Amino acid sequence: FTHATNVPKRLIETANHFYTKTEGSWICLQLSRSALTNVGIITIDEGSLPVGQTKVSDTWVESQWICPHIYGGVPTLECLGVLTQIRNMTRDEDGNFLNIVGLTD
């Protein structure tokens, strides 16, 4: 699945929990949930789920954090209207995610 949220700071927290050891540049995709539905992509609001062997944060479980998870890929053809904006994510030298340019800075 693809992690999704309408709360940008949650994306930073999720990225720092699961992906700091994954090297490289990262981007944040702004998507239209209705356009995903229109092209048959399933989005399910559910509790936090582990990624590989990494468990979810106890805080997320205790607070019953609900996350939209996209199952089935993210089509990027402009005519479909799914992808509405692309934003860069900044990281420090240790791989920590700092912000989403234009949203959390």
N, C-alpha and C. Protein backbone atom coordinates (compact mmCIF):
# COMPACT_ATOMS: atom_id res chain seq x y z
N PHE A 1 0.84 -1.19 0.00
CA PHE A 1 0.00 0.00 0.00
C PHE A 1 0.88 1.24 0.00
N THR A 2 0.27 2.36 -0.33
CA THR A 2 0.94 3.66 -0.28
C THR A 2 0.36 4.43 0.91
N HIS A 3 1.26 4.96 1.75
CA HIS A 3 0.81 5.79 2.87
C HIS A 3 0.18 7.06 2.33
N ALA A 4 -0.90 7.48 2.95
CA ALA A 4 -1.53 8.75 2.59
C ALA A 4 -2.02 9.43 3.85
N THR A 5 -2.21 10.73 3.77
CA THR A 5 -2.74 11.50 4.88
C THR A 5 -3.19 12.84 4.37
N ASN A 6 -4.10 13.47 5.08
CA ASN A 6 -4.42 14.86 4.77
C ASN A 6 -3.82 15.77 5.84
N VAL A 7 -2.94 15.22 6.66
CA VAL A 7 -2.24 15.97 7.71
C VAL A 7 -0.74 15.89 7.41
N PRO A 8 -0.16 16.91 6.76
CA PRO A 8 1.23 16.83 6.33
C PRO A 8 2.23 16.46 7.43
N LYS A 9 2.03 16.93 8.65
CA LYS A 9 2.97 16.60 9.73
C LYS A 9 2.96 15.10 10.04
N ARG A 10 1.85 14.44 9.80
CA ARG A 10 1.79 12.99 10.00
C ARG A 10 2.66 12.26 8.98
N LEU A 11 2.73 12.81 7.77
CA LEU A 11 3.59 12.20 6.77
C LEU A 11 5.05 12.28 7.19
N ILE A 12 5.45 13.42 7.74
CA ILE A 12 6.82 13.58 8.24
C ILE A 12 7.08 12.57 9.36
N GLU A 13 6.14 12.45 10.29
CA GLU A 13 6.29 11.51 11.41
C GLU A 13 6.37 10.06 10.91
N THR A 14 5.52 9.72 9.96
CA THR A 14 5.52 8.37 9.40
C THR A 14 6.84 8.08 8.67
N ALA A 15 7.29 9.04 7.88
CA ALA A 15 8.55 8.86 7.15
C ALA A 15 9.71 8.68 8.12
N ASN A 16 9.73 9.45 9.20
CA ASN A 16 10.81 9.33 10.18
C ASN A 16 10.74 8.02 10.96
N HIS A 17 9.56 7.49 11.12
CA HIS A 17 9.41 6.22 11.83
C HIS A 17 9.88 5.04 10.98
N PHE A 18 9.54 5.06 9.70
CA PHE A 18 9.80 3.90 8.86
C PHE A 18 10.98 4.02 7.89
N TYR A 19 11.31 5.21 7.45
CA TYR A 19 12.15 5.32 6.25
C TYR A 19 13.44 6.13 6.39
N THR A 20 13.91 6.44 7.56
CA THR A 20 15.13 7.24 7.67
C THR A 20 16.36 6.54 7.09
N LYS A 21 16.36 5.23 7.08
CA LYS A 21 17.52 4.49 6.55
C LYS A 21 17.45 4.30 5.04
N THR A 22 16.34 4.68 4.44
CA THR A 22 16.20 4.60 2.99
C THR A 22 16.80 5.86 2.40
N GLU A 23 17.86 5.69 1.63
CA GLU A 23 18.59 6.83 1.10
C GLU A 23 17.88 7.44 -0.11
N GLY A 24 18.26 8.67 -0.41
CA GLY A 24 17.77 9.33 -1.62
C GLY A 24 16.82 10.46 -1.35
N SER A 25 16.47 11.12 -2.43
CA SER A 25 15.52 12.23 -2.38
C SER A 25 14.10 11.67 -2.33
N TRP A 26 13.25 12.37 -1.62
CA TRP A 26 11.85 11.96 -1.50
C TRP A 26 10.95 13.11 -1.92
N ILE A 27 9.77 12.74 -2.42
CA ILE A 27 8.76 13.73 -2.77
C ILE A 27 7.45 13.36 -2.09
N CYS A 28 6.59 14.35 -1.99
CA CYS A 28 5.23 14.16 -1.47
C CYS A 28 4.27 14.41 -2.62
N LEU A 29 3.40 13.47 -2.87
CA LEU A 29 2.42 13.61 -3.93
C LEU A 29 1.08 14.03 -3.34
N GLN A 30 0.52 15.10 -3.86
CA GLN A 30 -0.82 15.50 -3.47
C GLN A 30 -1.77 14.84 -4.46
N LEU A 31 -2.73 14.09 -3.92
CA LEU A 31 -3.62 13.28 -4.75
C LEU A 31 -5.08 13.67 -4.53
N SER A 32 -5.88 13.38 -5.51
CA SER A 32 -7.33 13.53 -5.40
C SER A 32 -7.93 12.18 -5.06
N ARG A 33 -8.50 12.09 -3.88
CA ARG A 33 -9.10 10.81 -3.47
C ARG A 33 -10.26 10.42 -4.38
N SER A 34 -11.07 11.39 -4.78
CA SER A 34 -12.19 11.07 -5.67
C SER A 34 -11.70 10.61 -7.04
N ALA A 35 -10.61 11.20 -7.53
CA ALA A 35 -10.06 10.76 -8.81
C ALA A 35 -9.49 9.34 -8.69
N LEU A 36 -8.89 9.01 -7.54
CA LEU A 36 -8.43 7.63 -7.33
C LEU A 36 -9.61 6.67 -7.44
N THR A 37 -10.70 7.00 -6.77
CA THR A 37 -11.90 6.17 -6.81
C THR A 37 -12.42 6.04 -8.24
N ASN A 38 -12.41 7.16 -8.97
CA ASN A 38 -12.93 7.15 -10.34
C ASN A 38 -12.16 6.22 -11.28
N VAL A 39 -10.88 6.00 -10.99
CA VAL A 39 -10.09 5.10 -11.85
C VAL A 39 -9.95 3.71 -11.25
N GLY A 40 -10.70 3.44 -10.17
CA GLY A 40 -10.76 2.10 -9.61
C GLY A 40 -9.68 1.78 -8.59
N ILE A 41 -8.99 2.79 -8.10
CA ILE A 41 -7.97 2.56 -7.07
C ILE A 41 -8.65 2.63 -5.71
N ILE A 42 -8.39 1.63 -4.89
CA ILE A 42 -9.03 1.53 -3.58
C ILE A 42 -8.20 2.25 -2.52
N THR A 43 -8.88 3.10 -1.76
CA THR A 43 -8.28 3.76 -0.60
C THR A 43 -9.08 3.36 0.62
N ILE A 44 -8.39 2.82 1.62
CA ILE A 44 -9.07 2.33 2.82
C ILE A 44 -8.53 3.09 4.03
N ASP A 45 -9.44 3.65 4.82
CA ASP A 45 -9.07 4.28 6.10
C ASP A 45 -8.97 3.17 7.12
N GLU A 46 -7.77 3.01 7.67
CA GLU A 46 -7.57 1.93 8.64
C GLU A 46 -6.50 2.34 9.63
N GLY A 47 -6.37 1.55 10.67
CA GLY A 47 -5.35 1.81 11.67
C GLY A 47 -3.96 1.69 11.08
N SER A 48 -3.00 2.20 11.82
CA SER A 48 -1.60 2.12 11.38
C SER A 48 -1.20 0.68 11.15
N LEU A 49 -0.41 0.46 10.11
CA LEU A 49 0.06 -0.88 9.78
C LEU A 49 1.58 -0.90 9.73
N PRO A 50 2.20 -2.03 10.11
CA PRO A 50 3.66 -2.11 10.05
C PRO A 50 4.15 -2.06 8.61
N VAL A 51 5.41 -1.70 8.46
CA VAL A 51 6.08 -1.72 7.16
C VAL A 51 7.23 -2.71 7.29
N GLY A 52 7.15 -3.81 6.57
CA GLY A 52 8.17 -4.85 6.70
C GLY A 52 8.21 -5.34 8.14
N GLN A 53 9.40 -5.34 8.72
CA GLN A 53 9.58 -5.78 10.10
C GLN A 53 9.43 -4.65 11.12
N THR A 54 9.18 -3.43 10.65
CA THR A 54 9.07 -2.28 11.56
C THR A 54 7.64 -2.13 12.03
N LYS A 55 7.45 -2.25 13.34
CA LYS A 55 6.12 -2.11 13.93
C LYS A 55 5.71 -0.65 13.95
N VAL A 56 4.43 -0.41 14.13
CA VAL A 56 3.93 0.96 14.24
C VAL A 56 4.25 1.52 15.62
N SER A 57 4.23 2.81 15.74
CA SER A 57 4.48 3.48 17.01
C SER A 57 3.37 3.15 18.00
N ASP A 58 3.75 2.89 19.25
CA ASP A 58 2.76 2.64 20.30
C ASP A 58 1.81 3.83 20.45
N THR A 59 2.32 5.03 20.26
CA THR A 59 1.50 6.24 20.35
C THR A 59 0.39 6.21 19.31
N TRP A 60 0.71 5.75 18.11
CA TRP A 60 -0.30 5.68 17.05
C TRP A 60 -1.39 4.68 17.40
N VAL A 61 -1.00 3.56 18.00
CA VAL A 61 -1.98 2.54 18.39
C VAL A 61 -2.87 3.08 19.51
N GLU A 62 -2.25 3.67 20.52
CA GLU A 62 -2.99 4.20 21.67
C GLU A 62 -3.97 5.29 21.26
N SER A 63 -3.57 6.13 20.32
CA SER A 63 -4.44 7.23 19.90
C SER A 63 -5.39 6.83 18.77
N GLN A 64 -5.31 5.53 18.39
CA GLN A 64 -6.16 4.99 17.32
C GLN A 64 -6.05 5.82 16.04
N TRP A 65 -4.79 6.05 15.66
CA TRP A 65 -4.48 6.81 14.46
C TRP A 65 -5.08 6.12 13.25
N ILE A 66 -5.88 6.82 12.48
CA ILE A 66 -6.46 6.30 11.25
C ILE A 66 -5.69 6.87 10.07
N CYS A 67 -5.31 5.98 9.16
CA CYS A 67 -4.50 6.37 8.01
C CYS A 67 -5.17 5.89 6.73
N PRO A 68 -5.26 6.76 5.72
CA PRO A 68 -5.70 6.28 4.42
C PRO A 68 -4.56 5.51 3.75
N HIS A 69 -4.82 4.30 3.35
CA HIS A 69 -3.85 3.49 2.63
C HIS A 69 -4.39 3.25 1.22
N ILE A 70 -3.55 3.52 0.24
CA ILE A 70 -3.94 3.39 -1.16
C ILE A 70 -3.44 2.03 -1.67
N TYR A 71 -4.37 1.23 -2.15
CA TYR A 71 -4.05 -0.09 -2.68
C TYR A 71 -4.28 -0.09 -4.19
N GLY A 72 -3.25 -0.43 -4.93
CA GLY A 72 -3.44 -0.55 -6.38
C GLY A 72 -2.64 0.42 -7.21
N GLY A 73 -1.72 1.13 -6.61
CA GLY A 73 -0.88 2.04 -7.39
C GLY A 73 -1.45 3.44 -7.48
N VAL A 74 -0.64 4.33 -8.00
CA VAL A 74 -1.02 5.73 -8.14
C VAL A 74 -0.77 6.13 -9.60
N PRO A 75 -1.83 6.20 -10.41
CA PRO A 75 -1.64 6.61 -11.79
C PRO A 75 -1.30 8.10 -11.87
N THR A 76 -0.36 8.44 -12.74
CA THR A 76 0.11 9.83 -12.80
C THR A 76 -0.22 10.53 -14.11
N LEU A 77 -0.99 9.91 -14.98
CA LEU A 77 -1.39 10.59 -16.21
C LEU A 77 -2.20 11.83 -15.86
N GLU A 78 -1.79 12.96 -16.38
CA GLU A 78 -2.44 14.23 -16.04
C GLU A 78 -3.94 14.22 -16.33
N CYS A 79 -4.34 13.57 -17.41
CA CYS A 79 -5.75 13.57 -17.80
C CYS A 79 -6.66 12.87 -16.78
N LEU A 80 -6.09 12.05 -15.91
CA LEU A 80 -6.90 11.35 -14.90
C LEU A 80 -7.19 12.20 -13.68
N GLY A 81 -6.40 13.24 -13.45
CA GLY A 81 -6.64 14.15 -12.34
C GLY A 81 -6.32 13.59 -10.97
N VAL A 82 -5.58 12.49 -10.90
CA VAL A 82 -5.23 11.89 -9.62
C VAL A 82 -4.13 12.68 -8.93
N LEU A 83 -3.06 12.93 -9.66
CA LEU A 83 -1.91 13.66 -9.12
C LEU A 83 -2.14 15.15 -9.32
N THR A 84 -2.27 15.87 -8.21
CA THR A 84 -2.58 17.30 -8.32
C THR A 84 -1.38 18.20 -8.02
N GLN A 85 -0.38 17.68 -7.31
CA GLN A 85 0.81 18.48 -7.01
C GLN A 85 1.93 17.58 -6.52
N ILE A 86 3.16 17.99 -6.79
CA ILE A 86 4.35 17.29 -6.31
C ILE A 86 5.16 18.28 -5.48
N ARG A 87 5.55 17.85 -4.28
CA ARG A 87 6.35 18.70 -3.40
C ARG A 87 7.58 17.94 -2.94
N ASN A 88 8.70 18.63 -2.84
CA ASN A 88 9.93 18.03 -2.34
C ASN A 88 9.86 17.88 -0.84
N MET A 89 10.51 16.83 -0.34
CA MET A 89 10.68 16.65 1.10
C MET A 89 12.15 16.87 1.41
N THR A 90 12.44 17.61 2.48
CA THR A 90 13.83 17.85 2.85
C THR A 90 14.23 16.92 3.98
N ARG A 91 15.53 16.57 3.96
CA ARG A 91 16.09 15.65 4.96
C ARG A 91 17.41 16.20 5.45
N ASP A 92 17.80 15.74 6.63
CA ASP A 92 19.12 16.11 7.13
C ASP A 92 20.13 15.03 6.74
N GLU A 93 21.39 15.23 7.14
CA GLU A 93 22.46 14.32 6.75
C GLU A 93 22.30 12.92 7.36
N ASP A 94 21.47 12.78 8.40
CA ASP A 94 21.24 11.49 9.03
C ASP A 94 20.02 10.76 8.44
N GLY A 95 19.37 11.36 7.47
CA GLY A 95 18.22 10.74 6.84
C GLY A 95 16.88 11.12 7.44
N ASN A 96 16.89 11.96 8.47
CA ASN A 96 15.64 12.40 9.08
C ASN A 96 14.89 13.33 8.14
N PHE A 97 13.60 13.16 8.08
CA PHE A 97 12.75 14.03 7.26
C PHE A 97 12.44 15.28 8.06
N LEU A 98 12.63 16.44 7.44
CA LEU A 98 12.46 17.70 8.15
C LEU A 98 11.17 18.42 7.79
N ASN A 99 10.86 18.46 6.50
CA ASN A 99 9.62 19.15 6.10
C ASN A 99 9.22 18.76 4.69
N ILE A 100 8.02 19.20 4.34
CA ILE A 100 7.51 19.10 2.98
C ILE A 100 7.47 20.54 2.48
N VAL A 101 8.28 20.82 1.49
CA VAL A 101 8.43 22.20 1.01
C VAL A 101 7.08 22.77 0.60
N GLY A 102 6.74 23.91 1.20
CA GLY A 102 5.48 24.58 0.90
C GLY A 102 4.32 24.15 1.76
N LEU A 103 4.50 23.11 2.58
CA LEU A 103 3.41 22.65 3.46
C LEU A 103 3.77 22.71 4.93
N THR A 104 4.96 22.28 5.28
CA THR A 104 5.31 22.19 6.69
C THR A 104 6.51 23.05 7.04
N ASP A 105 6.97 23.89 6.12
CA ASP A 105 8.14 24.72 6.43
C ASP A 105 7.76 26.14 6.78
